[in-house]
Amino acid sequence: MIEDMHTFASSADRLADVMEQLPNSAAMRQTLGEINATLRETSAVLGAMRGVIGEGKETLRATETVLAFFQARGVGAGASDGSFDVSQYTAALQELGVAARELNALVGNTTRLVESPMLNERVEGTQSVAETRFGTVADLSNGFVDRVFWRALMLIAAFFAALLVYRVAATWIVKRLSQGSRG
């Protein structure tokens, strides 16, 4: 019985040690540090993406200007005084050309950004770090759960063994007392 209590106390101490290590795990801190470092390194890629977004906004503004001209007057409506003014259409077509060039530049920058090896390396690096670290944490968690399960099973077995010993001892004492009162 004393040995079972000692085993229980030892198991409780080991469980406390594992619980202390789990939330303050060095692997978890290292993983978070690596992820933060990777995020800091991707600032160049984010800067390029901001540039692409800015160019996209400029293209949309130019397109809105061109479309506003046609929406206000209607396609083929001509000048308001009934005459046909070529200079207005020439200006609209020039703005449309500028918008098309900006759109081409936007598409080119977006393509270069998506195909850039730097972006691919950062994404792959972040994925591999996350997979490795989370795999380690999952393994540690599985080991922890297994240990807790087996220790709990041993504790239950020790309890029933102690209960059996108690029952045998109680039966033996009752027999001894009943034999002592007869004789």
Protein backbone atom coordinates (compact mmCIF):
# COMPACT_ATOMS: atom_id res chain seq x y z
CA MET A 1 0.00 0.00 0.00
CA ILE A 2 2.84 2.36 0.86
CA GLU A 3 4.57 1.42 -2.37
CA ASP A 4 1.38 2.25 -4.29
CA MET A 5 1.21 5.63 -2.59
CA HIS A 6 4.86 6.23 -3.48
CA THR A 7 4.12 5.30 -7.12
CA PHE A 8 1.14 7.65 -7.11
CA ALA A 9 3.22 10.51 -5.68
CA SER A 10 5.96 9.86 -8.23
CA SER A 11 3.41 9.86 -11.06
CA ALA A 12 1.92 13.11 -9.82
CA ASP A 13 5.39 14.71 -9.71
CA ARG A 14 6.15 13.56 -13.26
CA LEU A 15 2.78 14.87 -14.44
CA ALA A 16 3.54 18.24 -12.84
CA ASP A 17 6.95 18.32 -14.56
CA VAL A 18 5.40 17.58 -17.95
CA MET A 19 2.70 20.21 -17.41
CA GLU A 20 5.35 22.82 -16.58
CA GLN A 21 7.28 22.02 -19.75
CA LEU A 22 4.32 21.99 -22.11
CA PRO A 23 3.14 25.64 -22.14
CA ASN A 24 6.65 27.13 -21.83
CA SER A 25 8.16 24.84 -24.42
CA ALA A 26 11.37 26.08 -26.02
CA ALA A 27 10.26 24.53 -29.31
CA MET A 28 7.13 26.68 -29.32
CA ARG A 29 9.13 29.85 -28.58
CA GLN A 30 11.62 28.96 -31.31
CA THR A 31 8.81 28.33 -33.80
CA LEU A 32 7.19 31.67 -33.07
CA GLY A 33 10.58 33.39 -33.36
CA GLU A 34 11.23 31.82 -36.76
CA ILE A 35 7.77 32.73 -38.02
CA ASN A 36 8.25 36.34 -36.86
CA ALA A 37 11.66 36.49 -38.57
CA THR A 38 10.16 35.18 -41.80
CA LEU A 39 7.38 37.75 -41.62
CA ARG A 40 9.93 40.55 -41.13
CA GLU A 41 11.91 39.30 -44.14
CA THR A 42 8.84 39.37 -46.37
CA SER A 43 8.49 43.14 -45.99
CA ALA A 44 10.20 43.63 -49.38
CA VAL A 45 7.58 41.45 -51.03
CA LEU A 46 4.82 43.34 -49.27
CA GLY A 47 6.34 46.63 -50.50
CA ALA A 48 6.24 45.34 -54.07
CA MET A 49 2.63 44.27 -53.58
CA ARG A 50 1.76 47.75 -52.30
CA GLY A 51 3.30 49.20 -55.46
CA VAL A 52 1.20 46.89 -57.62
CA ILE A 53 -1.93 47.87 -55.73
CA GLY A 54 -1.07 51.57 -56.17
CA GLU A 55 -0.64 51.07 -59.91
CA GLY A 56 -3.97 49.24 -60.00
CA LYS A 57 -5.65 52.21 -58.32
CA GLU A 58 -4.15 54.60 -60.87
CA THR A 59 -5.38 52.41 -63.72
CA LEU A 60 -8.87 52.35 -62.26
CA ARG A 61 -8.89 56.14 -61.88
CA ALA A 62 -7.87 56.61 -65.52
CA THR A 63 -10.49 54.11 -66.65
CA GLU A 64 -13.17 55.89 -64.62
CA THR A 65 -12.20 59.18 -66.24
CA VAL A 66 -12.55 57.70 -69.71
CA LEU A 67 -15.85 56.02 -68.89
CA ALA A 68 -17.23 59.17 -67.27
CA PHE A 69 -16.82 60.99 -70.57
CA PHE A 70 -18.92 58.42 -72.42
CA GLN A 71 -21.49 58.01 -69.66
CA ALA A 72 -22.16 61.75 -69.39
CA ARG A 73 -22.68 62.24 -73.09
CA GLY A 74 -23.68 58.80 -74.36
CA VAL A 75 -21.78 56.93 -77.02
CA GLY A 76 -22.00 58.64 -80.40
CA ALA A 77 -23.95 61.62 -79.02
CA GLY A 78 -21.48 64.19 -80.33
CA ALA A 79 -21.11 67.72 -78.96
CA SER A 80 -23.99 69.28 -77.06
CA ASP A 81 -24.46 72.01 -79.68
CA GLY A 82 -25.03 69.44 -82.41
CA SER A 83 -21.52 69.64 -83.95
CA PHE A 84 -19.00 66.81 -83.96
CA ASP A 85 -15.88 67.67 -81.89
CA VAL A 86 -12.96 65.34 -82.66
CA SER A 87 -10.72 66.83 -79.94
CA GLN A 88 -12.93 65.42 -77.18
CA TYR A 89 -12.71 61.92 -78.64
CA THR A 90 -8.97 62.34 -79.18
CA ALA A 91 -8.48 63.28 -75.52
CA ALA A 92 -10.62 60.33 -74.40
CA LEU A 93 -8.62 57.94 -76.59
CA GLN A 94 -5.35 59.32 -75.24
CA GLU A 95 -6.56 58.72 -71.69
CA LEU A 96 -7.66 55.26 -72.72
CA GLY A 97 -4.18 54.60 -74.11
CA VAL A 98 -2.59 55.75 -70.84
CA ALA A 99 -4.94 53.50 -68.89
CA ALA A 100 -4.10 50.55 -71.15
CA ARG A 101 -0.34 51.13 -70.67
CA GLU A 102 -0.82 51.33 -66.89
CA LEU A 103 -2.88 48.17 -66.97
CA ASN A 104 -0.14 46.39 -68.94
CA ALA A 105 2.45 47.59 -66.40
CA LEU A 106 0.21 46.36 -63.58
CA VAL A 107 -0.16 42.94 -65.17
CA GLY A 108 3.60 42.74 -65.75
CA ASN A 109 4.43 43.72 -62.17
CA THR A 110 1.88 41.28 -60.80
CA THR A 111 3.33 38.49 -62.93
CA ARG A 112 6.87 39.28 -61.80
CA LEU A 113 5.74 39.41 -58.19
CA VAL A 114 3.92 36.09 -58.34
CA GLU A 115 6.77 34.40 -60.21
CA SER A 116 9.52 35.90 -58.06
CA PRO A 117 11.76 33.29 -56.43
CA MET A 118 11.95 35.42 -53.30
CA LEU A 119 8.21 35.12 -52.69
CA ASN A 120 8.27 31.38 -53.37
CA GLU A 121 11.24 30.89 -51.04
CA ARG A 122 9.53 32.83 -48.25
CA VAL A 123 6.28 30.93 -48.60
CA GLU A 124 8.05 27.55 -48.73
CA GLY A 125 10.26 28.52 -45.79
CA THR A 126 7.29 29.56 -43.70
CA GLN A 127 5.44 26.37 -44.57
CA SER A 128 8.38 24.12 -43.74
CA VAL A 129 9.03 25.88 -40.42
CA ALA A 130 5.38 25.68 -39.47
CA GLU A 131 5.07 22.01 -40.48
CA THR A 132 8.23 21.05 -38.60
CA ARG A 133 7.40 22.91 -35.42
CA PHE A 134 3.75 22.01 -35.32
CA GLY A 135 4.71 18.38 -35.98
CA THR A 136 7.06 18.54 -32.99
CA VAL A 137 4.37 20.08 -30.81
CA ALA A 138 1.87 17.42 -31.98
CA ASP A 139 4.35 14.65 -31.11
CA LEU A 140 4.94 16.16 -27.68
CA SER A 141 1.21 16.46 -27.10
CA ASN A 142 0.60 12.86 -28.15
CA GLY A 143 3.36 11.68 -25.81
CA PHE A 144 1.86 13.71 -22.99
CA VAL A 145 -1.62 12.27 -23.55
CA ASP A 146 -0.19 8.73 -23.72
CA ARG A 147 1.70 9.21 -20.46
CA VAL A 148 -1.32 10.64 -18.69
CA PHE A 149 -3.49 7.76 -19.92
CA TRP A 150 -1.07 5.04 -18.80
CA ARG A 151 -0.44 6.71 -15.46
CA ALA A 152 -4.18 7.04 -14.87
CA LEU A 153 -4.61 3.37 -15.80
CA MET A 154 -1.85 2.40 -13.34
CA LEU A 155 -3.49 4.52 -10.65
CA ILE A 156 -6.84 2.81 -11.20
CA ALA A 157 -5.17 -0.63 -11.16
CA ALA A 158 -3.34 0.28 -7.95
CA PHE A 159 -6.62 1.42 -6.40
CA PHE A 160 -8.38 -1.85 -7.24
CA ALA A 161 -5.36 -3.87 -6.06
CA ALA A 162 -5.48 -1.97 -2.75
CA LEU A 163 -9.23 -2.60 -2.58
CA LEU A 164 -8.64 -6.32 -3.18
CA VAL A 165 -5.96 -6.42 -0.47
CA TYR A 166 -8.35 -4.63 1.90
CA ARG A 167 -11.13 -7.09 1.13
CA VAL A 168 -8.86 -10.11 1.64
CA ALA A 169 -7.51 -8.64 4.87
CA ALA A 170 -11.02 -7.85 6.13
CA THR A 171 -12.19 -11.37 5.33
CA TRP A 172 -9.15 -12.87 7.06
CA ILE A 173 -9.70 -10.70 10.16
CA VAL A 174 -13.38 -11.66 10.32
CA LYS A 175 -12.43 -15.38 10.06
CA ARG A 176 -9.79 -15.00 12.77
CA LEU A 177 -12.23 -13.24 15.06
CA SER A 178 -14.93 -15.81 14.46
CA GLN A 179 -12.46 -18.68 15.12
CA GLY A 180 -11.21 -16.93 18.25
CA SER A 181 -14.71 -16.57 19.72
CA ARG A 182 -15.46 -20.31 19.15
CA GLY A 183 -12.38 -21.63 20.73
